[in-house]
Amino acid sequence: MPLVDLRSDTVTLPSPAMRAAMAAASVGDDQYGEDPTMNRLQEQVAALLGKEAALWLPSGTMANQVALRVLTRPGDDVIVSRECHAVWHETGGSAANAGVQFTEIGRNGTFTDAEMLAALKPRGHVIYPPTTLVEIENTHNRSGGVIFPQAEAERICASARARGAATYLDGARLWNAAIACRRVPAELAAPFDLVGVALSKGLGAPGGSLLAGRRELIQSAQRYRRMAGGAMRQVGFYAAAGIYALDENLARLAEDHANARRIAERLAGSRRIVLDPEAVQTNILVFRLAEGAPDAPSVVARAAKLGVLVFAFDARTLRAVTHLDVSREQCERAAAVLLEIVEGPV
């Protein structure tokens, strides 16, 4: 029986049709701006996000790191949500590369305009570093794919701009947010100076993220991409996969959301699992193991032996992520396996 891999939506493999699109791609030297397929992808993403220009980067982490270089200076303060990707999942890159410090606020992946204003540090203060950037992650990974409320994001961006702070949207899974709340991506991206999106998560491309924003910001991002080693040559193969993913795999994200909710509804029936199915808004479910249940590493190890792969955030927290390479039936089997382990002897 094949593995049901729910560790992340990055584990997907290119479909035969995506591979065919990659093989047929026209390519050129992207550092000279001569890769026609990459140029087409960048124009497509800029249009989808309602921005002047877009720039492809090899990974989402590099996109986040380049965004910090563009929008901050060493020693600056950046306001973010608690447990955001830039703080928890980029191996300290923000300190090493951009030299910034973070102020984490809010809870469950979101924060309010009032909380942001209370945390914002003014320029010119004798002690505090200036807050020059406010960053929002939408959807929020460690909070279980939570969607950031758009009205609050608009208030936050307006307040930040009025106080001279830039705004960045870490929208690696912005496509999921758009599908779940029935909004076009450009509407979710509109309040932000710079937006990052990924193609290698829910959309199933083998790699690549993009930054989108005003043309002068993207020109600055090109320099920092090169500095980080992310300027590549004939990358039209990646671009073709991204174009295929946007054209063919965007609408179907709703299936992943439905599968995540099915797993959540099954798991929530156990008194040894702490999980509210209503809180599962997209394709990520994060749940706690209550007293009496095995610890998370034990569940991960036992589930793997039964053909189900999940990810442990800590000793008693697990994450499962649905994606295009797992079917409804496989998700139901995964839920049954997890329940069997959790309800069994410790």
Foldseek 3Di string as FASTA:
>chain_A
DAFAEFAFLLPFADDPVLLVLLVPAQWWFVVVPPGVLQQVLFVVVQVLQVADTKDKFFALLLVVLLLLQLQHAAAAEEEEAPPACNPPPNVCSNCVRRNYHYDHDDDLQEDALVGCVVPADAPPDPPHHGHAEYEGEQLGAVSQRFGYDQVRVLSNLVVCVVRNHAYEYSPQPLLQVCLLVVHRNNSSNVSHQKYKYWCSGQLNQNTMIMMGHYPVSVVSSVVVCVVVVGRGTTCSSSSSSSVCSVVPRSNVQVQLLVLQLVLQVLLVVDPQKAFDSVRNRGFKGKIFGHPQFAWDVVLQVQLVVVRYHWDAPDRTMTMGGGHDVAHSVNSVVSSVSSCCRRPDHD
